[in-house]
C-alpha atoms as a PDB file:
ATOM      1  CA  MET A   1      -5.571 -30.283 -92.046  1.00  0.00           C
ATOM      2  CA  ASN A   2      -7.743 -33.282 -91.274  1.00  0.00           C
ATOM      3  CA  LEU A   3      -6.026 -36.596 -92.003  1.00  0.00           C
ATOM      4  CA  HIS A   4      -9.133 -38.249 -93.412  1.00  0.00           C
ATOM      5  CA  HIS A   5      -9.669 -35.444 -95.894  1.00  0.00           C
ATOM      6  CA  ALA A   6      -6.019 -35.504 -96.920  1.00  0.00           C
ATOM      7  CA  SER A   7      -5.990 -39.257 -97.473  1.00  0.00           C
ATOM      8  CA  ARG A   8      -9.248 -39.074 -99.409  1.00  0.00           C
ATOM      9  CA  PHE A   9      -7.817 -36.344-101.573  1.00  0.00           C
ATOM     10  CA  ALA A  10      -4.717 -38.443-102.281  1.00  0.00           C
ATOM     11  CA  VAL A  11      -6.752 -41.495-103.213  1.00  0.00           C
ATOM     12  CA  VAL A  12      -9.101 -39.504-105.422  1.00  0.00           C
ATOM     13  CA  THR A  13      -6.139 -37.874-107.145  1.00  0.00           C
ATOM     14  CA  LEU A  14      -4.542 -41.248-107.807  1.00  0.00           C
ATOM     15  CA  PHE A  15      -7.728 -42.698-109.209  1.00  0.00           C
ATOM     16  CA  SER A  16      -8.323 -39.642-111.331  1.00  0.00           C
ATOM     17  CA  LEU A  17      -4.855 -39.898-112.838  1.00  0.00           C
ATOM     18  CA  LEU A  18      -5.221 -43.584-113.754  1.00  0.00           C
ATOM     19  CA  PRO A  19      -8.095 -43.181-116.219  1.00  0.00           C
ATOM     20  CA  VAL A  20      -6.354 -40.235-117.855  1.00  0.00           C
ATOM     21  CA  CYS A  21      -3.278 -42.330-118.356  1.00  0.00           C
ATOM     22  CA  VAL A  22      -5.318 -45.285-119.583  1.00  0.00           C
ATOM     23  CA  HIS A  23      -7.390 -43.070-121.842  1.00  0.00           C
ATOM     24  CA  ALA A  24      -4.251 -41.470-123.231  1.00  0.00           C
ATOM     25  CA  ALA A  25      -2.819 -44.913-123.828  1.00  0.00           C
ATOM     26  CA  GLU A  26      -5.885 -45.904-125.753  1.00  0.00           C
ATOM     27  CA  ASN A  27      -5.929 -42.772-127.867  1.00  0.00           C
ATOM     28  CA  THR A  28      -2.315 -42.777-128.715  1.00  0.00           C
ATOM     29  CA  ALA A  29       0.061 -45.497-129.001  1.00  0.00           C
ATOM     30  CA  VAL A  30       2.203 -45.140-125.994  1.00  0.00           C
ATOM     31  CA  SER A  31       5.284 -47.093-125.637  1.00  0.00           C
ATOM     32  CA  GLY A  32       5.979 -49.263-122.648  1.00  0.00           C
ATOM     33  CA  ASP A  33       8.700 -46.928-121.456  1.00  0.00           C
ATOM     34  CA  GLU A  34       6.324 -44.024-121.334  1.00  0.00           C
ATOM     35  CA  LEU A  35       3.803 -46.092-119.423  1.00  0.00           C
ATOM     36  CA  ALA A  36       6.521 -47.166-117.025  1.00  0.00           C
ATOM     37  CA  LYS A  37       7.580 -43.544-116.593  1.00  0.00           C
ATOM     38  CA  ALA A  38       3.994 -42.465-116.002  1.00  0.00           C
ATOM     39  CA  GLY A  39       3.509 -45.287-113.490  1.00  0.00           C
ATOM     40  CA  GLU A  40       6.740 -44.308-111.756  1.00  0.00           C
ATOM     41  CA  ARG A  41       5.561 -40.700-111.583  1.00  0.00           C
ATOM     42  CA  ILE A  42       2.229 -41.824-110.137  1.00  0.00           C
ATOM     43  CA  ARG A  43       4.002 -44.016-107.610  1.00  0.00           C
ATOM     44  CA  GLN A  44       6.335 -41.175-106.627  1.00  0.00           C
ATOM     45  CA  THR A  45       3.396 -38.800-106.352  1.00  0.00           C
ATOM     46  CA  GLY A  46       1.582 -41.308-104.108  1.00  0.00           C
ATOM     47  CA  ALA A  47       4.699 -41.816-101.987  1.00  0.00           C
ATOM     48  CA  GLN A  48       5.152 -38.046-101.737  1.00  0.00           C
ATOM     49  CA  MET A  49       1.531 -37.672-100.695  1.00  0.00           C
ATOM     50  CA  GLN A  50       1.920 -40.368 -98.071  1.00  0.00           C
ATOM     51  CA  GLU A  51       5.058 -38.638 -96.805  1.00  0.00           C
ATOM     52  CA  ASP A  52       3.181 -35.325 -96.700  1.00  0.00           C
ATOM     53  CA  LEU A  53       0.356 -37.046 -94.819  1.00  0.00           C
ATOM     54  CA  LYS A  54       2.824 -38.474 -92.307  1.00  0.00           C
ATOM     55  CA  LYS A  55       4.399 -35.044 -91.818  1.00  0.00           C
ATOM     56  CA  ALA A  56       0.996 -33.448 -91.438  1.00  0.00           C
ATOM     57  CA  ARG A  57      -0.015 -36.128 -88.946  1.00  0.00           C
ATOM     58  CA  ALA A  58       3.267 -35.638 -87.038  1.00  0.00           C
ATOM     59  CA  ARG A  59       2.696 -31.863 -87.026  1.00  0.00           C
ATOM     60  CA  MET A  60      -0.841 -32.384 -85.738  1.00  0.00           C
ATOM     61  CA  GLU A  61       0.351 -34.765 -83.024  1.00  0.00           C
ATOM     62  CA  ALA A  62       3.100 -32.334 -82.008  1.00  0.00           C
ATOM     63  CA  GLN A  63       0.576 -29.495 -81.922  1.00  0.00           C
ATOM     64  CA  LYS A  64      -1.802 -31.578 -79.798  1.00  0.00           C
ATOM     65  CA  ALA A  65       1.045 -32.519 -77.441  1.00  0.00           C
ATOM     66  CA  GLN A  66       2.081 -28.866 -77.210  1.00  0.00           C
ATOM     67  CA  GLN A  67      -1.504 -27.798 -76.496  1.00  0.00           C
ATOM     68  CA  GLU A  68      -1.857 -30.513 -73.840  1.00  0.00           C
ATOM     69  CA  ALA A  69       1.437 -29.477 -72.229  1.00  0.00           C
ATOM     70  CA  GLU A  70       0.311 -25.831 -72.257  1.00  0.00           C
ATOM     71  CA  ARG A  71      -3.028 -26.838 -70.742  1.00  0.00           C
ATOM     72  CA  LYS A  72      -1.232 -28.768 -67.993  1.00  0.00           C
ATOM     73  CA  ARG A  73       1.109 -25.836 -67.342  1.00  0.00           C
ATOM     74  CA  GLY A  74      -1.898 -23.518 -67.136  1.00  0.00           C
ATOM     75  CA  ALA A  75      -3.666 -25.882 -64.738  1.00  0.00           C
ATOM     76  CA  GLU A  76      -0.517 -26.111 -62.586  1.00  0.00           C
ATOM     77  CA  ARG A  77      -0.164 -22.324 -62.572  1.00  0.00           C
ATOM     78  CA  ALA A  78      -3.819 -21.982 -61.556  1.00  0.00           C
ATOM     79  CA  ARG A  79      -3.329 -24.585 -58.804  1.00  0.00           C
ATOM     80  CA  GLN A  80      -0.211 -22.815 -57.493  1.00  0.00           C
ATOM     81  CA  GLN A  81      -2.033 -19.470 -57.595  1.00  0.00           C
ATOM     82  CA  ALA A  82      -4.973 -20.953 -55.678  1.00  0.00           C
ATOM     83  CA  ILE A  83      -2.570 -22.370 -53.058  1.00  0.00           C
ATOM     84  CA  LYS A  84      -0.823 -18.984 -52.773  1.00  0.00           C
ATOM     85  CA  GLU A  85      -4.114 -17.103 -52.416  1.00  0.00           C
ATOM     86  CA  ALA A  86      -5.358 -19.578 -49.809  1.00  0.00           C
ATOM     87  CA  ALA A  87      -2.118 -19.151 -47.832  1.00  0.00           C
ATOM     88  CA  GLU A  88      -2.404 -15.348 -48.042  1.00  0.00           C
ATOM     89  CA  GLN A  89      -6.026 -15.473 -46.902  1.00  0.00           C
ATOM     90  CA  ARG A  90      -5.073 -17.771 -44.012  1.00  0.00           C
ATOM     91  CA  GLN A  91      -2.253 -15.429 -42.974  1.00  0.00           C
ATOM     92  CA  ALA A  92      -4.553 -12.399 -43.196  1.00  0.00           C
ATOM     93  CA  GLN A  93      -7.185 -14.187 -41.115  1.00  0.00           C
ATOM     94  CA  GLU A  94      -4.587 -15.194 -38.508  1.00  0.00           C
ATOM     95  CA  ALA A  95      -3.336 -11.590 -38.391  1.00  0.00           C
ATOM     96  CA  ARG A  96      -6.900 -10.332 -37.872  1.00  0.00           C
ATOM     97  CA  GLN A  97      -7.487 -12.893 -35.118  1.00  0.00           C
ATOM     98  CA  ARG A  98      -4.176 -11.979 -33.451  1.00  0.00           C
ATOM     99  CA  GLN A  99      -5.059  -8.274 -33.564  1.00  0.00           C
ATOM    100  CA  ALA A 100      -8.510  -9.020 -32.130  1.00  0.00           C
ATOM    101  CA  ARG A 101      -6.949 -11.077 -29.300  1.00  0.00           C
ATOM    102  CA  GLU A 102      -4.431  -8.326 -28.536  1.00  0.00           C
ATOM    103  CA  ALA A 103      -7.167  -5.681 -28.537  1.00  0.00           C
ATOM    104  CA  ALA A 104      -9.332  -7.812 -26.228  1.00  0.00           C
ATOM    105  CA  GLN A 105      -6.389  -8.386 -23.879  1.00  0.00           C
ATOM    106  CA  ALA A 106      -5.564  -4.663 -23.819  1.00  0.00           C
ATOM    107  CA  GLN A 107      -9.186  -3.833 -23.073  1.00  0.00           C
ATOM    108  CA  ALA A 108      -9.294  -6.470 -20.320  1.00  0.00           C
ATOM    109  CA  ARG A 109      -6.110  -4.996 -18.802  1.00  0.00           C
ATOM    110  CA  GLN A 110      -7.585  -1.499 -18.912  1.00  0.00           C
ATOM    111  CA  GLU A 111     -10.813  -2.676 -17.290  1.00  0.00           C
ATOM    112  CA  ALA A 112      -8.860  -4.561 -14.594  1.00  0.00           C
ATOM    113  CA  ALA A 113      -6.772  -1.447 -13.902  1.00  0.00           C
ATOM    114  CA  LYS A 114      -9.935   0.662 -13.632  1.00  0.00           C
ATOM    115  CA  ARG A 115     -11.522  -1.878 -11.274  1.00  0.00           C
ATOM    116  CA  ALA A 116      -8.368  -1.977  -9.137  1.00  0.00           C
ATOM    117  CA  GLU A 117      -8.229   1.828  -9.018  1.00  0.00           C
ATOM    118  CA  LEU A 118     -11.917   2.013  -8.064  1.00  0.00           C
ATOM    119  CA  ALA A 119     -11.438  -0.651  -5.363  1.00  0.00           C
ATOM    120  CA  ALA A 120      -8.436   1.276  -3.970  1.00  0.00           C
ATOM    121  CA  LYS A 121     -10.461   4.508  -3.882  1.00  0.00           C
ATOM    122  CA  GLN A 122     -13.351   2.722  -2.180  1.00  0.00           C
ATOM    123  CA  ALA A 123     -10.970   1.204   0.379  1.00  0.00           C
ATOM    124  CA  GLU A 124      -9.441   4.632   1.059  1.00  0.00           C
ATOM    125  CA  GLN A 125     -12.890   6.172   1.459  1.00  0.00           C
ATOM    126  CA  ALA A 126     -13.954   3.368   3.809  1.00  0.00           C
ATOM    127  CA  ALA A 127     -10.808   3.910   5.903  1.00  0.00           C
ATOM    128  CA  ARG A 128     -11.479   7.650   6.047  1.00  0.00           C
ATOM    129  CA  ASP A 129     -15.108   6.981   7.012  1.00  0.00           C
ATOM    130  CA  ARG A 130     -13.967   4.627   9.806  1.00  0.00           C
ATOM    131  CA  GLN A 131     -11.506   7.206  11.084  1.00  0.00           C
ATOM    132  CA  VAL A 132     -14.178   9.912  11.081  1.00  0.00           C
ATOM    133  CA  ALA A 133     -16.630   7.587  12.873  1.00  0.00           C
ATOM    134  CA  LEU A 134     -14.006   6.667  15.479  1.00  0.00           C
ATOM    135  CA  ALA A 135     -13.113  10.321  16.030  1.00  0.00           C
ATOM    136  CA  MET A 136     -16.785  11.223  16.424  1.00  0.00           C
ATOM    137  CA  GLN A 137     -17.281   8.338  18.850  1.00  0.00           C
ATOM    138  CA  ARG A 138     -14.268   9.494  20.906  1.00  0.00           C
ATOM    139  CA  VAL A 139     -15.663  13.013  21.019  1.00  0.00           C
ATOM    140  CA  LYS A 140     -19.034  11.663  22.170  1.00  0.00           C
ATOM    141  CA  ASP A 141     -17.377   9.428  24.773  1.00  0.00           C
ATOM    142  CA  GLU A 142     -15.266  12.289  26.063  1.00  0.00           C
ATOM    143  CA  GLN A 143     -18.292  14.592  26.189  1.00  0.00           C
ATOM    144  CA  ALA A 144     -20.285  11.953  28.069  1.00  0.00           C
ATOM    145  CA  ALA A 145     -17.387  11.439  30.526  1.00  0.00           C
ATOM    146  CA  LYS A 146     -17.152  15.163  31.126  1.00  0.00           C
ATOM    147  CA  GLU A 147     -20.871  15.358  31.681  1.00  0.00           C
ATOM    148  CA  ARG A 148     -20.714  12.449  34.144  1.00  0.00           C
ATOM    149  CA  SER A 149     -17.804  14.095  35.956  1.00  0.00           C
ATOM    150  CA  ALA A 150     -19.678  17.370  36.166  1.00  0.00           C
ATOM    151  CA  ILE A 151     -22.789  15.628  37.494  1.00  0.00           C
ATOM    152  CA  ALA A 152     -20.736  13.696  40.051  1.00  0.00           C
ATOM    153  CA  LEU A 153     -18.915  16.840  41.135  1.00  0.00           C
ATOM    154  CA  LYS A 154     -22.171  18.716  41.428  1.00  0.00           C
ATOM    155  CA  ALA A 155     -23.696  15.893  43.439  1.00  0.00           C
ATOM    156  CA  ALA A 156     -20.655  15.786  45.693  1.00  0.00           C
ATOM    157  CA  ARG A 157     -20.860  19.515  46.356  1.00  0.00           C
ATOM    158  CA  GLN A 158     -24.562  19.319  47.079  1.00  0.00           C
ATOM    159  CA  SER A 159     -24.127  16.435  49.492  1.00  0.00           C
ATOM    160  CA  ALA A 160     -21.399  18.276  51.410  1.00  0.00           C
ATOM    161  CA  GLY A 161     -23.757  21.107  52.233  1.00  0.00           C
ATOM    162  CA  PRO A 162     -22.818  24.659  53.363  1.00  0.00           C
ATOM    163  CA  ARG A 163     -19.991  23.637  55.679  1.00  0.00           C
ATOM    164  CA  GLY A 164     -18.137  22.316  52.654  1.00  0.00           C
ATOM    165  CA  MET A 165     -16.060  19.290  52.880  1.00  0.00           C
ATOM    166  CA  ALA A 166     -14.328  20.275  56.101  1.00  0.00           C
ATOM    167  CA  ASP A 167     -15.326  17.496  58.369  1.00  0.00           C
ATOM    168  CA  ALA A 168     -13.332  14.419  57.869  1.00  0.00           C
ATOM    169  CA  ALA A 169     -15.607  11.528  58.352  1.00  0.00           C
ATOM    170  CA  PRO A 170     -14.395   7.985  58.225  1.00  0.00           C
ATOM    171  CA  ARG A 171     -16.587   7.364  55.251  1.00  0.00           C
ATOM    172  CA  GLU A 172     -15.869   8.713  51.719  1.00  0.00           C
ATOM    173  CA  THR A 173     -16.303  12.406  51.461  1.00  0.00           C
ATOM    174  CA  ALA A 174     -17.988  14.210  48.590  1.00  0.00           C
ATOM    175  CA  LYS A 175     -14.638  15.405  47.318  1.00  0.00           C
ATOM    176  CA  GLU A 176     -13.309  11.887  47.209  1.00  0.00           C
ATOM    177  CA  ARG A 177     -16.450  10.748  45.440  1.00  0.00           C
ATOM    178  CA  ALA A 178     -15.994  13.560  42.894  1.00  0.00           C
ATOM    179  CA  ALA A 179     -12.331  12.676  42.411  1.00  0.00           C
ATOM    180  CA  ARG A 180     -13.211   9.016  42.026  1.00  0.00           C
ATOM    181  CA  ALA A 181     -15.939   9.864  39.478  1.00  0.00           C
ATOM    182  CA  LEU A 182     -13.472  12.043  37.570  1.00  0.00           C
ATOM    183  CA  ARG A 183     -10.895   9.258  37.585  1.00  0.00           C
ATOM    184  CA  GLU A 184     -13.476   6.791  36.325  1.00  0.00           C
ATOM    185  CA  ALA A 185     -14.545   9.180  33.606  1.00  0.00           C
ATOM    186  CA  ARG A 186     -10.945   9.697  32.538  1.00  0.00           C
ATOM    187  CA  GLN A 187     -10.247   5.982  32.571  1.00  0.00           C
ATOM    188  CA  SER A 188     -13.287   5.303  30.407  1.00  0.00           C
ATOM    189  CA  SER A 189     -12.119   7.889  27.826  1.00  0.00           C
ATOM    190  CA  GLY A 190      -8.495   6.664  27.950  1.00  0.00           C
ATOM    191  CA  PRO A 191      -5.199   8.555  28.165  1.00  0.00           C
ATOM    192  CA  ARG A 192      -6.208  10.930  25.384  1.00  0.00           C
ATOM    193  CA  GLY A 193      -9.197  12.135  27.393  1.00  0.00           C
ATOM    194  CA  MET A 194      -6.908  12.866  30.320  1.00  0.00           C
ATOM    195  CA  ALA A 195      -4.534  14.820  28.095  1.00  0.00           C
ATOM    196  CA  GLU A 196      -7.395  16.855  26.663  1.00  0.00           C
ATOM    197  CA  ASP A 197      -8.680  17.538  30.174  1.00  0.00           C
ATOM    198  CA  GLY A 198      -5.265  19.001  30.951  1.00  0.00           C
ATOM    199  CA  LEU A 199      -4.563  16.516  33.711  1.00  0.00           C
END
Protein backbone atom coordinates (compact mmCIF):
# COMPACT_ATOMS: atom_id res chain seq x y z
CA MET A 1 0.00 0.00 0.00
CA ASN A 2 1.33 3.42 -0.93
CA LEU A 3 1.94 5.65 2.09
CA HIS A 4 0.66 8.80 0.40
CA HIS A 5 -2.62 7.15 -0.50
CA ALA A 6 -3.02 5.75 3.00
CA SER A 7 -2.37 9.10 4.66
CA ARG A 8 -4.73 10.84 2.26
CA PHE A 9 -7.39 8.29 3.02
CA ALA A 10 -6.94 8.84 6.76
CA VAL A 11 -7.17 12.61 6.44
CA VAL A 12 -10.22 12.43 4.19
CA THR A 13 -11.89 10.04 6.62
CA LEU A 14 -11.22 12.36 9.53
CA PHE A 15 -12.57 15.37 7.69
CA SER A 16 -15.60 13.45 6.54
CA LEU A 17 -16.41 12.41 10.09
CA LEU A 18 -16.18 15.96 11.48
CA PRO A 19 -19.05 17.45 9.47
CA VAL A 20 -21.24 14.46 10.28
CA CYS A 21 -20.59 14.97 13.94
CA VAL A 22 -21.13 18.72 13.65
CA HIS A 23 -24.26 18.23 11.58
CA ALA A 24 -25.58 15.71 14.07
CA ALA A 25 -24.86 18.16 16.86
CA GLU A 26 -26.82 20.82 15.08
CA ASN A 27 -29.78 18.59 14.38
CA THR A 28 -30.03 17.13 17.78
CA ALA A 29 -29.09 18.45 21.02
CA VAL A 30 -26.06 16.53 21.94
CA SER A 31 -24.65 16.74 25.32
CA GLY A 32 -21.07 17.66 25.97
CA ASP A 33 -20.26 14.15 27.11
CA GLU A 34 -21.41 12.69 23.84
CA LEU A 35 -19.36 15.22 21.93
CA ALA A 36 -16.36 14.40 24.09
CA LYS A 37 -16.92 10.69 23.47
CA ALA A 38 -17.25 11.27 19.73
CA GLY A 39 -14.08 13.39 19.74
CA GLU A 40 -12.27 10.71 21.71
CA ARG A 41 -13.41 8.09 19.21
CA ILE A 42 -12.21 10.27 16.33
CA ARG A 43 -8.89 10.82 18.07
CA GLN A 44 -8.50 7.09 18.72
CA THR A 45 -9.42 6.32 15.13
CA GLY A 46 -6.81 8.84 13.92
CA ALA A 47 -4.19 7.40 16.28
CA GLN A 48 -5.06 3.88 15.12
CA MET A 49 -4.75 4.99 11.51
CA GLN A 50 -1.39 6.58 12.20
CA GLU A 51 -0.26 3.39 13.92
CA ASP A 52 -1.48 1.36 10.94
CA LEU A 53 0.40 3.73 8.63
CA LYS A 54 3.57 3.31 10.68
CA LYS A 55 3.20 -0.48 10.57
CA ALA A 56 2.55 -0.39 6.85
CA ARG A 57 5.57 1.86 6.34
CA ALA A 58 7.70 -0.47 8.51
CA ARG A 59 6.45 -3.47 6.51
CA MET A 60 7.29 -1.69 3.26
CA GLU A 61 10.75 -0.75 4.51
CA ALA A 62 11.37 -4.32 5.68
CA GLN A 63 10.18 -5.64 2.32
CA LYS A 64 12.46 -3.21 0.48
CA ALA A 65 15.40 -4.20 2.71
CA GLN A 66 14.64 -7.87 2.11
CA GLN A 67 14.43 -7.32 -1.65
CA GLU A 68 17.72 -5.37 -1.61
CA ALA A 69 19.40 -8.11 0.43
CA GLU A 70 18.07 -10.75 -1.99
CA ARG A 71 19.30 -8.68 -4.93
CA LYS A 72 22.75 -8.41 -3.34
CA ARG A 73 22.81 -12.15 -2.63
CA GLY A 74 21.82 -12.83 -6.24
CA ALA A 75 24.54 -10.49 -7.51
CA GLU A 76 27.11 -12.19 -5.24
CA ARG A 77 26.00 -15.62 -6.43
CA ALA A 78 26.29 -14.47 -10.05
CA ARG A 79 29.76 -13.03 -9.34
CA GLN A 80 30.91 -16.26 -7.66
CA GLN A 81 29.50 -18.30 -10.55
CA ALA A 82 31.31 -16.08 -13.07
CA ILE A 83 34.58 -16.51 -11.11
CA LYS A 84 34.05 -20.30 -11.00
CA GLU A 85 33.31 -20.50 -14.73
CA ALA A 86 36.33 -18.35 -15.55
CA ALA A 87 38.55 -20.62 -13.41
CA GLU A 88 37.12 -23.73 -15.11
CA GLN A 89 37.68 -22.21 -18.55
CA ARG A 90 41.26 -21.27 -17.59
CA GLN A 91 41.93 -24.81 -16.33
CA ALA A 92 40.43 -26.33 -19.48
CA GLN A 93 42.54 -24.03 -21.65
CA GLU A 94 45.69 -24.90 -19.68
CA ALA A 95 44.87 -28.61 -20.04
CA ARG A 96 44.43 -28.18 -23.81
CA GLN A 97 47.72 -26.28 -24.06
CA ARG A 98 49.50 -28.94 -21.97
CA GLN A 99 48.11 -31.71 -24.18
CA ALA A 100 49.16 -29.80 -27.30
CA ARG A 101 52.69 -29.34 -25.89
CA GLU A 102 52.94 -33.03 -24.98
CA ALA A 103 51.70 -34.06 -28.43
CA ALA A 104 54.20 -31.73 -30.11
CA GLN A 105 57.03 -33.07 -27.94
CA ALA A 106 56.05 -36.68 -28.71
CA GLN A 107 55.95 -35.91 -32.42
CA ALA A 108 59.33 -34.16 -32.22
CA ARG A 109 60.78 -37.21 -30.42
CA GLN A 110 59.37 -39.54 -33.07
CA GLU A 111 60.77 -37.40 -35.87
CA ALA A 112 64.18 -37.23 -34.15
CA ALA A 113 64.17 -41.02 -33.74
CA LYS A 114 63.29 -41.46 -37.42
CA ARG A 115 66.06 -39.04 -38.45
CA ALA A 116 68.57 -40.85 -36.23
CA GLU A 117 67.52 -44.23 -37.64
CA LEU A 118 67.80 -42.91 -41.21
CA ALA A 119 71.23 -41.40 -40.47
CA ALA A 120 72.40 -44.73 -38.98
CA LYS A 121 71.17 -46.62 -42.06
CA GLN A 122 72.88 -44.12 -44.35
CA ALA A 123 76.12 -44.44 -42.36
CA GLU A 124 75.92 -48.25 -42.56
CA GLN A 125 75.29 -48.09 -46.30
CA ALA A 126 78.21 -45.68 -46.77
CA ALA A 127 80.48 -48.03 -44.79
CA ARG A 128 79.35 -50.99 -46.90
CA ASP A 129 79.92 -48.96 -50.08
CA ARG A 130 83.44 -48.04 -48.91
CA GLN A 131 84.21 -51.67 -48.12
CA VAL A 132 82.96 -52.79 -51.53
CA ALA A 133 85.00 -50.04 -53.25
CA LEU A 134 88.13 -51.00 -51.29
CA ALA A 135 87.64 -54.68 -52.11
CA MET A 136 87.18 -53.87 -55.79
CA GLN A 137 90.28 -51.67 -55.75
CA ARG A 138 92.30 -54.48 -54.12
CA VAL A 139 91.10 -56.91 -56.77
CA LYS A 140 92.09 -54.45 -59.50
CA ASP A 141 95.48 -53.83 -57.87
CA GLU A 142 96.12 -57.54 -57.50
CA GLN A 143 95.06 -58.17 -61.10
CA ALA A 144 97.35 -55.39 -62.32
CA ALA A 145 100.25 -56.79 -60.24
CA LYS A 146 99.69 -60.24 -61.68
CA GLU A 147 99.59 -58.83 -65.16
CA ARG A 148 102.83 -56.91 -64.55
CA SER A 149 104.46 -60.05 -63.14
CA ALA A 150 103.35 -62.07 -66.14
CA ILE A 151 104.67 -59.43 -68.54
CA ALA A 152 107.98 -59.24 -66.67
CA LEU A 153 108.29 -63.02 -66.61
CA LYS A 154 107.49 -63.22 -70.29
CA ALA A 155 110.03 -60.51 -71.06
CA ALA A 156 112.64 -62.28 -68.96
CA ARG A 157 112.07 -65.55 -70.80
CA GLN A 158 112.25 -63.85 -74.16
CA SER A 159 115.47 -62.07 -73.30
CA ALA A 160 117.11 -65.31 -72.16
CA GLY A 161 116.65 -66.86 -75.57
CA PRO A 162 116.75 -70.60 -76.46
CA ARG A 163 119.67 -71.50 -74.20
CA GLY A 164 117.52 -70.56 -71.23
CA MET A 165 118.98 -68.94 -68.27
CA ALA A 166 121.96 -71.26 -68.02
CA ASP A 167 124.80 -68.89 -68.41
CA ALA A 168 125.59 -67.04 -65.31
CA ALA A 169 126.60 -63.60 -66.30
CA PRO A 170 127.77 -61.07 -63.80
CA ARG A 171 124.84 -58.90 -64.66
CA GLU A 172 121.21 -59.64 -63.60
CA THR A 173 119.76 -62.58 -65.38
CA ALA A 174 116.25 -62.76 -66.79
CA LYS A 175 115.19 -65.04 -63.97
CA GLU A 176 116.38 -62.59 -61.39
CA ARG A 177 114.60 -59.79 -63.21
CA ALA A 178 111.41 -61.89 -63.23
CA ALA A 179 111.78 -62.69 -59.53
CA ARG A 180 112.43 -59.05 -58.75
CA ALA A 181 109.36 -57.99 -60.79
CA LEU A 182 107.26 -60.59 -58.97
CA ARG A 183 108.53 -59.36 -55.61
CA GLU A 184 107.73 -55.79 -56.55
CA ALA A 185 104.27 -56.79 -57.70
CA ARG A 186 103.65 -58.65 -54.45
CA GLN A 187 104.94 -55.76 -52.38
CA SER A 188 102.67 -53.33 -54.19
CA SER A 189 99.62 -55.54 -53.48
CA GLY A 190 100.66 -56.16 -49.85
CA PRO A 191 100.77 -59.35 -47.77
CA ARG A 192 97.27 -60.35 -48.84
CA GLY A 193 98.33 -60.45 -52.48
CA MET A 194 101.20 -62.75 -51.56
CA ALA A 195 98.86 -65.05 -49.65
CA GLU A 196 96.45 -65.20 -52.57
CA ASP A 197 99.34 -65.95 -54.92
CA GLY A 198 100.13 -68.94 -52.72
CA LEU A 199 103.60 -67.70 -51.87
